[in-house]
Amino acid sequence: MNRILLAEDDADMRQFLTRALKNAGFDVVAFDNGKSAYERLREEPFSLLLSDIVMPEMDGIELARRATELDPDLKVMFITGFAAVALNPDNEAPKDASVLSKPFHLKDLVNEVERLLAA
């Protein structure tokens, strides 16, 4: 089963995304900040990192950079209201990371997650 590590600081959004992805058949482990998510990544493997960009303690771009250093095969997807930040080539985000801009439909999220994991 594909395991997804979700890092989202907004509690309602985190719960919403977790439920939608679990309903789609994914195993999801969720955290409210990048630092806690990174610590979990150091302990066990995941197929996909799904992260907000703007978070306390460690932002999503830093989390993704560190996570892909641990596991170069880890797929990365950002969910953000700040797509321009994620797409900025100077920010050191993983080059093949996918970006889904808020607001989005859950169907689009699930489709993009399935596409990334199938690649």
Protein backbone atom coordinates (compact mmCIF):
# COMPACT_ATOMS: atom_id res chain seq x y z
CA MET A 1 0.00 0.00 0.00
CA ASN A 2 1.22 3.48 -0.81
CA ARG A 3 1.96 5.44 2.35
CA ILE A 4 1.51 9.20 2.39
CA LEU A 5 3.10 11.55 4.89
CA LEU A 6 0.96 14.67 5.18
CA ALA A 7 2.33 17.89 6.68
CA GLU A 8 -0.34 20.60 7.06
CA ASP A 9 -0.54 23.10 9.92
CA ASP A 10 -4.24 23.93 9.49
CA ALA A 11 -6.11 21.37 11.63
CA ASP A 12 -9.34 21.42 9.60
CA MET A 13 -7.49 21.09 6.29
CA ARG A 14 -5.28 18.30 7.70
CA GLN A 15 -8.31 16.34 8.88
CA PHE A 16 -10.15 16.94 5.61
CA LEU A 17 -7.19 15.77 3.48
CA THR A 18 -6.49 12.77 5.68
CA ARG A 19 -10.08 11.57 5.47
CA ALA A 20 -10.26 12.08 1.69
CA LEU A 21 -7.02 10.20 1.04
CA LYS A 22 -7.94 7.35 3.40
CA ASN A 23 -11.33 7.07 1.66
CA ALA A 24 -9.41 6.75 -1.63
CA GLY A 25 -7.49 3.80 -0.19
CA PHE A 26 -4.24 5.40 0.94
CA ASP A 27 -2.45 4.92 4.25
CA VAL A 28 -1.96 8.46 5.63
CA VAL A 29 0.13 9.69 8.56
CA ALA A 30 -0.44 13.38 9.29
CA PHE A 31 1.53 16.03 11.16
CA ASP A 32 0.90 19.68 11.96
CA ASN A 33 4.43 20.91 11.20
CA GLY A 34 7.43 20.10 9.06
CA LYS A 35 9.78 19.30 11.93
CA SER A 36 7.59 16.49 13.30
CA ALA A 37 6.97 15.15 9.80
CA TYR A 38 10.71 15.07 9.11
CA GLU A 39 11.38 13.15 12.33
CA ARG A 40 8.85 10.51 11.23
CA LEU A 41 10.45 10.31 7.78
CA ARG A 42 13.73 9.49 9.46
CA GLU A 43 12.07 6.51 11.17
CA GLU A 44 10.19 4.84 8.32
CA PRO A 45 9.69 5.02 4.55
CA PHE A 46 6.82 6.71 2.74
CA SER A 47 5.83 6.77 -0.93
CA LEU A 48 4.74 10.42 -1.03
CA LEU A 49 5.28 13.58 0.95
CA LEU A 50 2.22 15.82 0.70
CA SER A 51 3.04 19.14 2.29
CA ASP A 52 1.79 22.65 2.74
CA ILE A 53 4.53 25.21 2.12
CA VAL A 54 3.90 27.78 4.84
CA MET A 55 4.18 26.04 8.23
CA PRO A 56 5.77 26.76 11.61
CA GLU A 57 9.11 25.26 12.72
CA MET A 58 10.09 23.97 9.25
CA ASP A 59 8.41 25.07 6.03
CA GLY A 60 7.34 22.63 3.36
CA ILE A 61 10.18 23.42 0.98
CA GLU A 62 12.82 22.77 3.63
CA LEU A 63 10.96 19.61 4.65
CA ALA A 64 10.88 18.39 1.04
CA ARG A 65 14.56 19.20 0.51
CA ARG A 66 15.60 17.28 3.62
CA ALA A 67 13.18 14.43 2.93
CA THR A 68 14.52 13.83 -0.58
CA GLU A 69 18.06 13.83 0.81
CA LEU A 70 16.97 10.92 3.04
CA ASP A 71 15.06 9.17 0.25
CA PRO A 72 15.78 10.36 -3.31
CA ASP A 73 12.86 8.23 -4.61
CA LEU A 74 10.30 9.97 -2.40
CA LYS A 75 7.60 11.70 -4.46
CA VAL A 76 6.78 15.25 -3.35
CA MET A 77 3.60 17.23 -3.77
CA PHE A 78 2.93 20.69 -2.39
CA ILE A 79 -0.54 21.95 -1.54
CA THR A 80 -0.46 25.68 -1.20
CA GLY A 81 -2.08 29.02 -1.70
CA PHE A 82 1.36 30.29 -2.71
CA ALA A 83 2.08 28.39 -5.93
CA ALA A 84 4.52 31.03 -7.12
CA VAL A 85 6.73 30.31 -4.10
CA ALA A 86 6.78 26.60 -4.86
CA LEU A 87 7.54 27.20 -8.51
CA ASN A 88 10.39 29.64 -7.84
CA PRO A 89 13.55 27.92 -9.13
CA ASP A 90 15.66 29.59 -6.43
CA ASN A 91 13.86 28.02 -3.48
CA GLU A 92 15.63 24.62 -3.59
CA ALA A 93 12.39 22.65 -3.78
CA PRO A 94 12.77 19.23 -5.44
CA LYS A 95 12.72 19.81 -9.19
CA ASP A 96 10.07 17.20 -9.96
CA ALA A 97 7.71 18.20 -7.14
CA SER A 98 4.07 18.60 -8.07
CA VAL A 99 2.08 21.66 -6.94
CA LEU A 100 -1.65 21.77 -6.28
CA SER A 101 -2.94 25.27 -5.60
CA LYS A 102 -5.58 25.95 -2.97
CA PRO A 103 -8.49 25.89 -3.29
CA PHE A 104 -8.79 22.54 -5.06
CA HIS A 105 -11.34 19.77 -5.41
CA LEU A 106 -10.68 16.53 -3.56
CA LYS A 107 -11.08 14.67 -6.84
CA ASP A 108 -8.17 16.69 -8.25
CA LEU A 109 -6.05 15.92 -5.18
CA VAL A 110 -6.72 12.18 -5.39
CA ASN A 111 -6.11 12.14 -9.16
CA GLU A 112 -2.79 13.96 -8.79
CA VAL A 113 -1.67 11.69 -5.93
CA GLU A 114 -2.55 8.60 -8.01
CA ARG A 115 -0.69 10.04 -11.01
CA LEU A 116 2.44 10.76 -8.98
CA LEU A 117 2.48 7.36 -7.33
CA ALA A 118 1.99 5.59 -10.66
CA ALA A 119 4.94 7.43 -12.27
